[in-house]
Amino acid sequence: MRLLPRSIRVRDTLIAALLSGLVFGALGLGASALITSSVKSATFDKAQKAARRVSADLRAGVLRDPIPVDRDARLIQVVDARGDVIMSSGPVRGRSPMSALRPSAIERVVDVIECPAPDGGCYAVEAIRTTADTQAPIVLTAVPLPTLVMGWSLSLIVAGIVLALIALTAWATWLMVGRTLGPIEAIRAQLSEISATDLSRRVPQPRGEDEIAQLARTANQTLDRLERAVSRQRQFASDASHELRTPIAGLRASLEEAALYPDDIDVAATVEDALRDTDRLEAIVTDLLLLARLGTVGAAREDLDLGELARAEQRADVTVAAEDGVIVNGVRMQVVRVLANLLDNAERYGGPPVAVHVRRDGRDALLTVTDEGPGIPEADRERIFERFTRLDTARSRGAGGTGLGLAIARDVALAHGGTLIVEESPAGARFALRLPLAD
């Protein structure tokens, strides 16, 4: 069972309303209590001042009857020990005592809130025994308390203000979250319309460097990579089907010829042609599987001495000059495959002699393979690493190449955090493999 709505906008608005309700509610209760306390304190202060003045006048024998209305209190009475009113101010003249308070001789001053008072409402009543004598008269003063603090009026006003602040907070949160989520909704809508058949569309990218702008930028970068990957995949599938078609067609032709004219064919030659086409198919499929697995299937890495691997691959017409202790961390079979592919390429298209050098270069291990062939034009030095790319198609097929060797070598180098490029060379072609040195 879901306790919160699915919409982030609604959820954030509800949470903001709840939190603001708690905060503003606590502030409202505190403000209400503070206002009530302040008003009561001020009211009692007025009643006390009036009572003290009247008590002083009574002790001095200068108090007149009726008692003059005080600026702080209009309701004043003087009662004797029996509780009879002996003097009073005009507004309460002829009335019974305003309060039953009778301070003791020890505690001469007592105050209380009388609610309801005889005239209705609530009063702050101050009672002062004029002297410590138990028969001394008592001065009573009463000041009405504002209805605002004694009834529900203040609570209703504070509650209304709190509700208004909560509503304002919720409205502001709704607007701000809506404005924040607007670009995200536009990104979502655009992404929902992008399909595998059309990866050229991009999501709208807001200005700035905030999280949403970074999200849009990352989404567009991801779409760029996805479009390039899909494009390469389609091109790869097209090239692979084209490359596989040639040996399959040759194999089929040989078998059909053998089936149609069994007496007129040279069986040995037919079998030899079929085996050659089968070998080519196997080589292509093996290379395709290796390319598909690179970067996706984990393989155990180990520390490898690049110089030892180069010396182990030494062939006729290949000279190796390698420093000792050039250690890299990688998958042995893959690194050996890179070296073998580079040597195969140099022997097939460059011609002997072939020179291999291994040395440290800063924080990298550098392996170069140099041949004495015609070299590679600068415009083609990146293109040769594309799959099924040959600068001389007919000659490459005749030499037995699949067109995947350099592509495999480049992908292995990248999977190991290195690079494989064609460098300038005085003669022939020079391939430079860089791999990070092991820690």
Protein backbone atom coordinates (compact mmCIF):
# COMPACT_ATOMS: atom_id res chain seq x y z
CA MET A 1 0.00 0.00 0.00
CA ARG A 2 1.45 3.35 -1.05
CA LEU A 3 1.46 5.99 1.69
CA LEU A 4 2.69 8.83 -0.52
CA PRO A 5 1.44 9.91 -3.96
CA ARG A 6 3.55 9.03 -6.97
CA SER A 7 3.89 12.60 -8.16
CA ILE A 8 7.03 14.28 -6.83
CA ARG A 9 5.29 17.64 -7.09
CA VAL A 10 2.35 16.55 -4.95
CA ARG A 11 4.61 14.67 -2.54
CA ASP A 12 6.95 17.62 -2.01
CA THR A 13 4.00 19.98 -1.59
CA LEU A 14 2.44 17.74 1.06
CA ILE A 15 5.74 17.37 2.89
CA ALA A 16 6.32 21.14 2.78
CA ALA A 17 2.79 21.74 4.07
CA LEU A 18 3.29 19.23 6.88
CA LEU A 19 6.66 20.62 7.94
CA SER A 20 5.47 24.22 7.71
CA GLY A 21 2.39 23.25 9.73
CA LEU A 22 4.59 21.86 12.48
CA VAL A 23 6.90 24.88 12.46
CA PHE A 24 4.23 27.56 12.14
CA GLY A 25 1.98 25.71 14.60
CA ALA A 26 4.73 25.68 17.22
CA LEU A 27 5.49 29.35 16.52
CA GLY A 28 1.78 30.19 16.74
CA LEU A 29 1.39 28.44 20.09
CA GLY A 30 4.47 30.18 21.39
CA ALA A 31 3.30 33.58 20.13
CA SER A 32 -0.17 33.06 21.58
CA ALA A 33 1.24 32.09 24.96
CA LEU A 34 3.65 35.04 24.91
CA ILE A 35 0.92 37.53 24.00
CA THR A 36 -1.43 36.17 26.67
CA SER A 37 1.31 36.24 29.31
CA SER A 38 2.37 39.77 28.36
CA VAL A 39 -1.19 41.12 28.44
CA LYS A 40 -1.94 39.47 31.78
CA SER A 41 1.31 40.77 33.25
CA ALA A 42 0.57 44.32 32.06
CA THR A 43 -2.98 44.13 33.40
CA PHE A 44 -1.88 42.89 36.83
CA ASP A 45 0.76 45.60 36.87
CA LYS A 46 -1.93 48.27 36.42
CA ALA A 47 -4.12 46.73 39.15
CA GLN A 48 -1.16 46.54 41.54
CA LYS A 49 -0.08 50.15 40.97
CA ALA A 50 -3.61 51.41 41.62
CA ALA A 51 -3.99 49.28 44.73
CA ARG A 52 -0.69 50.47 46.17
CA ARG A 53 -1.57 54.13 45.61
CA VAL A 54 -4.97 53.71 47.26
CA SER A 55 -3.44 51.77 50.16
CA ALA A 56 -0.86 54.52 50.71
CA ASP A 57 -3.54 57.23 50.68
CA LEU A 58 -5.68 55.21 53.09
CA ARG A 59 -2.79 54.80 55.53
CA ALA A 60 -2.04 58.52 55.25
CA GLY A 61 -5.70 59.37 55.94
CA VAL A 62 -6.12 61.37 52.73
CA LEU A 63 -8.35 58.93 50.84
CA ARG A 64 -11.69 60.38 49.92
CA ASP A 65 -15.01 58.67 49.36
CA PRO A 66 -15.96 58.09 46.63
CA ILE A 67 -12.47 57.05 45.69
CA PRO A 68 -11.25 59.03 42.66
CA VAL A 69 -10.94 56.91 39.53
CA ASP A 70 -7.29 55.94 39.04
CA ARG A 71 -5.61 56.18 35.66
CA ASP A 72 -4.68 52.51 35.95
CA ALA A 73 -7.88 51.14 37.49
CA ARG A 74 -11.50 52.38 37.59
CA LEU A 75 -12.86 49.62 39.81
CA ILE A 76 -11.62 50.20 43.39
CA GLN A 77 -13.07 49.10 46.73
CA VAL A 78 -11.99 49.20 50.38
CA VAL A 79 -13.48 46.49 52.59
CA ASP A 80 -13.20 46.10 56.35
CA ALA A 81 -12.33 42.99 58.34
CA ARG A 82 -15.94 41.80 58.16
CA GLY A 83 -15.96 42.06 54.35
CA ASP A 84 -18.21 45.12 54.15
CA VAL A 85 -17.43 47.76 51.54
CA ILE A 86 -16.55 50.99 53.38
CA MET A 87 -15.26 53.01 50.43
CA SER A 88 -15.40 52.60 46.63
CA SER A 89 -14.92 54.32 43.32
CA GLY A 90 -17.87 55.60 41.36
CA PRO A 91 -18.30 52.70 38.89
CA VAL A 92 -18.70 50.14 41.71
CA ARG A 93 -20.34 52.35 44.34
CA GLY A 94 -23.09 50.56 46.23
CA ARG A 95 -22.05 47.12 45.04
CA SER A 96 -20.96 44.08 46.95
CA PRO A 97 -17.22 43.26 47.18
CA MET A 98 -15.69 42.53 43.76
CA SER A 99 -13.75 39.57 45.11
CA ALA A 100 -13.63 37.29 48.10
CA LEU A 101 -9.85 37.68 48.32
CA ARG A 102 -8.68 38.38 51.87
CA PRO A 103 -4.90 38.55 52.17
CA SER A 104 -3.43 37.39 55.48
CA ALA A 105 -1.34 39.56 57.74
CA ILE A 106 1.77 37.64 56.57
CA GLU A 107 1.06 37.62 52.85
CA ARG A 108 -0.40 41.07 52.44
CA VAL A 109 -0.61 41.10 48.63
CA VAL A 110 -2.65 38.59 46.63
CA ASP A 111 -3.74 38.72 42.97
CA VAL A 112 -6.06 36.48 41.00
CA ILE A 113 -8.06 36.35 37.81
CA GLU A 114 -11.77 36.45 38.49
CA CYS A 115 -13.59 34.81 35.61
CA PRO A 116 -16.44 35.36 35.12
CA ALA A 117 -16.65 38.64 37.01
CA PRO A 118 -19.93 40.05 38.28
CA ASP A 119 -20.19 42.33 35.25
CA GLY A 120 -19.15 39.56 32.88
CA GLY A 121 -15.79 39.02 31.31
CA CYS A 122 -12.61 38.44 33.25
CA TYR A 123 -10.75 40.76 35.64
CA ALA A 124 -7.27 40.92 37.05
CA VAL A 125 -7.97 41.54 40.78
CA GLU A 126 -5.34 42.84 43.21
CA ALA A 127 -5.98 42.64 46.98
CA ILE A 128 -3.67 44.48 49.47
CA ARG A 129 -4.03 44.51 53.26
CA THR A 130 -3.06 48.04 54.20
CA THR A 131 -1.12 47.00 57.34
CA ALA A 132 -0.01 43.84 59.07
CA ASP A 133 -2.93 44.15 61.49
CA THR A 134 -5.51 41.39 61.01
CA GLN A 135 -8.26 43.99 61.37
CA ALA A 136 -6.74 46.35 58.78
CA PRO A 137 -8.90 47.19 55.78
CA ILE A 138 -8.23 45.59 52.41
CA VAL A 139 -7.96 47.47 49.10
CA LEU A 140 -9.39 45.69 46.06
CA THR A 141 -8.65 46.89 42.51
CA ALA A 142 -9.89 45.23 39.34
CA VAL A 143 -8.79 45.76 35.74
CA PRO A 144 -10.73 44.00 32.96
CA LEU A 145 -8.70 41.63 30.82
CA PRO A 146 -9.06 42.01 27.04
CA THR A 147 -11.49 39.51 25.56
CA LEU A 148 -8.84 38.76 22.93
CA VAL A 149 -6.63 36.90 25.40
CA MET A 150 -9.30 35.32 27.57
CA GLY A 151 -11.54 33.77 24.93
CA TRP A 152 -10.98 31.91 21.68
CA SER A 153 -10.41 35.05 19.67
CA LEU A 154 -6.61 35.04 19.92
CA SER A 155 -6.44 31.30 19.23
CA LEU A 156 -8.66 31.67 16.16
CA ILE A 157 -6.61 34.58 14.85
CA VAL A 158 -3.34 32.70 15.36
CA ALA A 159 -4.82 29.56 13.78
CA GLY A 160 -5.96 31.60 10.79
CA ILE A 161 -2.50 33.12 10.36
CA VAL A 162 -0.89 29.67 10.67
CA LEU A 163 -3.26 28.20 8.07
CA ALA A 164 -2.58 31.13 5.74
CA LEU A 165 1.18 30.63 6.09
CA ILE A 166 0.82 26.90 5.47
CA ALA A 167 -1.26 27.56 2.36
CA LEU A 168 1.28 30.14 1.16
CA THR A 169 4.14 27.69 1.74
CA ALA A 170 2.32 24.89 -0.08
CA TRP A 171 1.49 27.20 -3.00
CA ALA A 172 5.08 28.44 -3.25
CA THR A 173 6.37 24.85 -3.05
CA TRP A 174 3.92 23.77 -5.77
CA LEU A 175 5.11 26.57 -8.06
CA MET A 176 8.84 26.06 -7.37
CA VAL A 177 8.72 22.28 -7.71
CA GLY A 178 6.65 22.63 -10.87
CA ARG A 179 9.16 25.05 -12.33
CA THR A 180 12.01 22.74 -11.29
CA LEU A 181 10.37 19.63 -12.73
CA GLY A 182 9.30 21.35 -15.95
CA PRO A 183 12.63 20.71 -17.72
CA ILE A 184 12.67 17.15 -16.38
CA GLU A 185 9.22 16.53 -17.84
CA ALA A 186 10.42 17.95 -21.17
CA ILE A 187 13.43 15.61 -21.02
CA ARG A 188 11.18 12.64 -20.17
CA ALA A 189 8.77 13.45 -23.00
CA GLN A 190 11.60 13.75 -25.50
CA LEU A 191 13.24 10.52 -24.32
CA SER A 192 9.94 8.67 -24.64
CA GLU A 193 9.78 9.65 -28.32
CA ILE A 194 13.31 8.50 -29.13
CA SER A 195 13.39 5.04 -30.66
CA ALA A 196 16.08 2.73 -31.94
CA THR A 197 15.23 3.72 -35.50
CA ASP A 198 15.84 7.43 -34.83
CA LEU A 199 18.59 8.23 -32.35
CA SER A 200 19.37 11.65 -33.81
CA ARG A 201 16.97 13.54 -31.53
CA ARG A 202 18.24 15.17 -28.35
CA VAL A 203 16.60 16.31 -25.13
CA PRO A 204 16.22 20.05 -24.40
CA GLN A 205 19.15 21.32 -22.39
CA PRO A 206 18.50 24.19 -19.93
CA ARG A 207 21.04 26.92 -19.36
CA GLY A 208 23.25 26.89 -16.30
CA GLU A 209 25.23 24.31 -14.40
CA ASP A 210 22.61 22.99 -11.99
CA GLU A 211 21.68 19.33 -11.57
CA ILE A 212 18.97 19.41 -14.24
CA ALA A 213 21.28 21.01 -16.80
CA GLN A 214 23.90 18.38 -15.99
CA LEU A 215 21.25 15.65 -16.31
CA ALA A 216 20.22 16.93 -19.75
CA ARG A 217 23.85 17.23 -20.83
CA THR A 218 24.60 13.70 -19.61
CA ALA A 219 21.49 12.36 -21.36
CA ASN A 220 22.55 13.98 -24.63
CA GLN A 221 26.09 12.66 -24.25
CA THR A 222 24.67 9.21 -23.60
CA LEU A 223 22.47 9.50 -26.68
CA ASP A 224 25.54 10.57 -28.70
CA ARG A 225 27.43 7.49 -27.54
CA LEU A 226 24.40 5.28 -28.13
CA GLU A 227 23.91 6.66 -31.63
CA ARG A 228 27.57 6.09 -32.46
CA ALA A 229 27.45 2.59 -30.96
CA VAL A 230 24.31 1.66 -32.90
CA SER A 231 25.80 3.13 -36.06
CA ARG A 232 28.98 1.11 -35.55
CA GLN A 233 26.94 -1.98 -34.79
CA ARG A 234 24.92 -1.59 -37.97
CA GLN A 235 28.04 -0.97 -40.01
CA PHE A 236 29.74 -3.90 -38.31
CA ALA A 237 26.78 -6.20 -39.08
CA SER A 238 26.77 -5.01 -42.67
CA ASP A 239 30.53 -5.49 -43.06
CA ALA A 240 30.45 -8.87 -41.29
CA SER A 241 27.68 -10.18 -43.53
CA HIS A 242 29.59 -8.96 -46.59
CA GLU A 243 32.85 -10.57 -45.42
CA LEU A 244 31.16 -13.85 -44.55
CA ARG A 245 29.30 -13.97 -47.84
CA THR A 246 32.48 -14.37 -49.94
CA PRO A 247 33.87 -17.59 -48.34
CA ILE A 248 30.35 -19.01 -47.97
CA ALA A 249 29.68 -18.36 -51.66
CA GLY A 250 32.99 -20.00 -52.63
CA LEU A 251 32.32 -23.00 -50.42
CA ARG A 252 28.80 -23.37 -51.83
CA ALA A 253 30.05 -23.12 -55.40
CA SER A 254 32.65 -25.84 -54.79
CA LEU A 255 30.10 -28.15 -53.19
CA GLU A 256 27.47 -27.54 -55.89
CA GLU A 257 30.03 -28.22 -58.58
CA ALA A 258 31.02 -31.45 -56.85
CA ALA A 259 27.37 -32.47 -56.53
CA LEU A 260 26.48 -31.65 -60.17
CA TYR A 261 29.61 -32.98 -61.87
CA PRO A 262 31.11 -35.61 -59.59
CA ASP A 263 33.05 -37.23 -62.42
CA ASP A 264 34.53 -34.05 -63.87
CA ILE A 265 36.03 -32.42 -60.77
CA ASP A 266 39.38 -32.70 -59.12
CA VAL A 267 38.38 -33.95 -55.67
CA ALA A 268 41.66 -32.96 -54.04
CA ALA A 269 41.49 -29.42 -55.41
CA THR A 270 37.83 -29.08 -54.45
CA VAL A 271 38.51 -30.24 -50.93
CA GLU A 272 41.48 -27.89 -50.70
CA ASP A 273 39.34 -24.93 -51.84
CA ALA A 274 36.59 -25.89 -49.38
CA LEU A 275 39.09 -26.15 -46.52
CA ARG A 276 40.58 -22.78 -47.42
CA ASP A 277 37.12 -21.16 -47.38
CA THR A 278 36.33 -22.94 -44.11
CA ASP A 279 39.55 -21.70 -42.57
CA ARG A 280 38.68 -18.17 -43.62
CA LEU A 281 35.19 -18.52 -42.14
CA GLU A 282 36.64 -19.83 -38.90
CA ALA A 283 39.15 -16.97 -38.71
CA ILE A 284 36.45 -14.36 -39.28
CA VAL A 285 34.07 -15.91 -36.74
CA THR A 286 36.86 -16.23 -34.16
CA ASP A 287 37.80 -12.59 -34.58
CA LEU A 288 34.15 -11.51 -34.39
CA LEU A 289 33.66 -13.42 -31.15
CA LEU A 290 36.79 -11.86 -29.67
CA LEU A 291 35.60 -8.38 -30.62
CA ALA A 292 32.18 -9.06 -29.10
CA ARG A 293 33.71 -10.28 -25.83
CA LEU A 294 36.23 -7.49 -25.36
CA GLY A 295 35.16 -5.26 -22.48
CA THR A 296 32.16 -7.46 -21.61
CA VAL A 297 33.61 -10.71 -20.34
CA GLY A 298 35.88 -10.42 -17.32
CA ALA A 299 39.25 -12.12 -17.56
CA ALA A 300 41.93 -12.62 -14.93
CA ARG A 301 44.68 -10.03 -15.16
CA GLU A 302 48.26 -10.55 -14.14
CA ASP A 303 51.57 -8.72 -14.20
CA LEU A 304 53.25 -9.27 -17.57
CA ASP A 305 56.81 -8.52 -18.69
CA LEU A 306 56.19 -6.89 -22.06
CA GLY A 307 59.79 -7.49 -23.14
CA GLU A 308 59.52 -11.23 -22.46
CA LEU A 309 56.27 -11.44 -24.44
CA ALA A 310 57.91 -9.65 -27.36
CA ARG A 311 60.94 -12.01 -27.29
CA ALA A 312 58.60 -15.03 -27.11
CA GLU A 313 56.87 -13.86 -30.31
CA GLN A 314 60.16 -13.36 -32.18
CA ARG A 315 60.07 -14.69 -35.75
CA ALA A 316 62.37 -14.88 -38.72
CA ASP A 317 63.21 -11.42 -40.10
CA VAL A 318 61.93 -9.87 -36.81
CA THR A 319 64.44 -8.25 -34.45
CA VAL A 320 63.48 -7.49 -30.84
CA ALA A 321 65.15 -4.90 -28.61
CA ALA A 322 63.47 -4.87 -25.21
CA GLU A 323 64.34 -3.39 -21.84
CA ASP A 324 64.09 -5.70 -18.85
CA GLY A 325 61.37 -5.27 -16.23
CA VAL A 326 58.81 -3.37 -18.34
CA ILE A 327 55.82 -4.71 -16.39
CA VAL A 328 52.18 -4.13 -17.31
CA ASN A 329 48.99 -5.52 -15.81
CA GLY A 330 46.73 -7.26 -18.30
CA VAL A 331 45.21 -10.38 -19.78
CA ARG A 332 48.09 -12.47 -21.18
CA MET A 333 46.26 -13.96 -24.17
CA GLN A 334 44.88 -10.57 -25.25
CA VAL A 335 48.22 -8.76 -25.04
CA VAL A 336 49.88 -11.62 -26.94
CA ARG A 337 47.12 -11.34 -29.57
CA VAL A 338 47.87 -7.62 -30.02
CA LEU A 339 51.58 -8.32 -30.58
CA ALA A 340 50.80 -11.20 -32.96
CA ASN A 341 48.38 -9.07 -34.97
CA LEU A 342 50.88 -6.25 -35.27
CA LEU A 343 53.61 -8.65 -36.42
CA ASP A 344 51.22 -10.34 -38.88
CA ASN A 345 50.26 -6.95 -40.29
CA ALA A 346 53.90 -5.86 -40.61
CA GLU A 347 54.96 -9.12 -42.34
CA ARG A 348 51.89 -9.20 -44.61
CA TYR A 349 51.83 -5.59 -45.80
CA GLY A 350 55.15 -4.03 -44.80
CA GLY A 351 57.71 -6.62 -45.52
CA PRO A 352 60.93 -7.51 -43.70
CA PRO A 353 62.88 -6.60 -41.79
CA VAL A 354 60.52 -5.91 -38.87
CA ALA A 355 61.84 -4.28 -35.69
CA VAL A 356 60.18 -4.50 -32.27
CA HIS A 357 61.24 -2.17 -29.43
CA VAL A 358 60.00 -2.25 -25.83
CA ARG A 359 60.90 0.42 -23.27
CA ARG A 360 59.57 2.59 -20.51
CA ASP A 361 58.20 6.01 -21.48
CA GLY A 362 57.26 7.98 -18.40
CA ARG A 363 54.49 6.11 -16.62
CA ASP A 364 53.74 3.98 -19.69
CA ALA A 365 55.19 0.94 -21.34
CA LEU A 366 55.87 1.62 -25.03
CA LEU A 367 56.02 -1.15 -27.65
CA THR A 368 56.68 -0.22 -31.28
CA VAL A 369 56.54 -2.42 -34.38
CA THR A 370 58.29 -0.95 -37.43
CA ASP A 371 58.45 -2.40 -40.95
CA GLU A 372 60.20 -1.37 -44.15
CA GLY A 373 57.12 -1.31 -46.37
CA PRO A 374 55.51 1.55 -48.28
CA GLY A 375 54.04 3.02 -45.11
CA ILE A 376 50.51 4.24 -44.44
CA PRO A 377 49.22 7.59 -45.74
CA GLU A 378 48.41 10.04 -42.97
CA ALA A 379 44.76 10.27 -44.06
CA ASP A 380 44.34 6.52 -43.56
CA ARG A 381 46.11 6.15 -40.19
CA GLU A 382 42.84 6.11 -38.22
CA ARG A 383 40.73 4.40 -40.84
CA ILE A 384 42.85 1.24 -40.76
CA PHE A 385 41.67 0.56 -37.20
CA GLU A 386 38.07 0.32 -38.35
CA ARG A 387 36.65 -3.16 -38.72
CA PHE A 388 36.95 -4.82 -42.14
CA THR A 389 38.93 -1.86 -43.48
CA ARG A 390 41.67 -2.62 -45.99
CA LEU A 391 43.70 -0.11 -47.93
CA ASP A 392 44.18 -2.68 -50.69
CA THR A 393 41.15 -4.96 -50.56
CA ALA A 394 42.13 -7.47 -53.18
CA ARG A 395 45.71 -7.81 -51.93
CA SER A 396 44.55 -8.12 -48.34
CA ARG A 397 42.15 -10.93 -49.09
CA GLY A 398 44.80 -12.67 -51.10
CA ALA A 399 47.18 -12.39 -48.16
CA GLY A 400 44.62 -14.07 -45.95
CA GLY A 401 43.68 -11.16 -43.70
CA THR A 402 40.19 -10.81 -42.18
CA GLY A 403 40.30 -7.05 -41.87
CA LEU A 404 39.83 -7.34 -38.09
CA GLY A 405 43.37 -7.66 -36.78
CA LEU A 406 44.09 -3.97 -36.18
CA ALA A 407 40.55 -3.37 -34.89
CA ILE A 408 41.07 -6.13 -32.34
CA ALA A 409 44.47 -4.74 -31.37
CA ARG A 410 43.03 -1.23 -30.85
CA ASP A 411 40.12 -2.54 -28.77
CA VAL A 412 42.43 -4.63 -26.57
CA ALA A 413 44.67 -1.60 -25.99
CA LEU A 414 41.66 0.53 -25.01
CA ALA A 415 40.32 -2.22 -22.72
CA HIS A 416 43.68 -2.16 -20.90
CA GLY A 417 43.65 1.62 -20.51
CA GLY A 418 46.19 2.18 -23.27
CA THR A 419 46.37 3.39 -26.87
CA LEU A 420 47.44 2.08 -30.26
CA ILE A 421 48.34 4.56 -33.01
CA VAL A 422 50.42 4.88 -36.17
CA GLU A 423 53.45 7.12 -35.64
CA GLU A 424 55.66 8.94 -38.11
CA SER A 425 58.50 6.79 -39.39
CA PRO A 426 61.38 7.54 -41.77
CA ALA A 427 60.51 4.41 -43.71
CA GLY A 428 57.61 2.00 -43.62
CA ALA A 429 54.91 2.00 -40.94
CA ARG A 430 55.40 2.21 -37.20
CA PHE A 431 52.67 1.07 -34.78
CA ALA A 432 53.02 2.33 -31.18
CA LEU A 433 51.27 0.50 -28.34
CA ARG A 434 51.15 2.27 -24.96
CA LEU A 435 49.99 0.50 -21.82
CA PRO A 436 50.11 1.79 -18.23
CA LEU A 437 52.96 0.41 -16.20
CA ALA A 438 51.94 -1.85 -13.33
CA ASP A 439 51.99 -0.23 -9.89
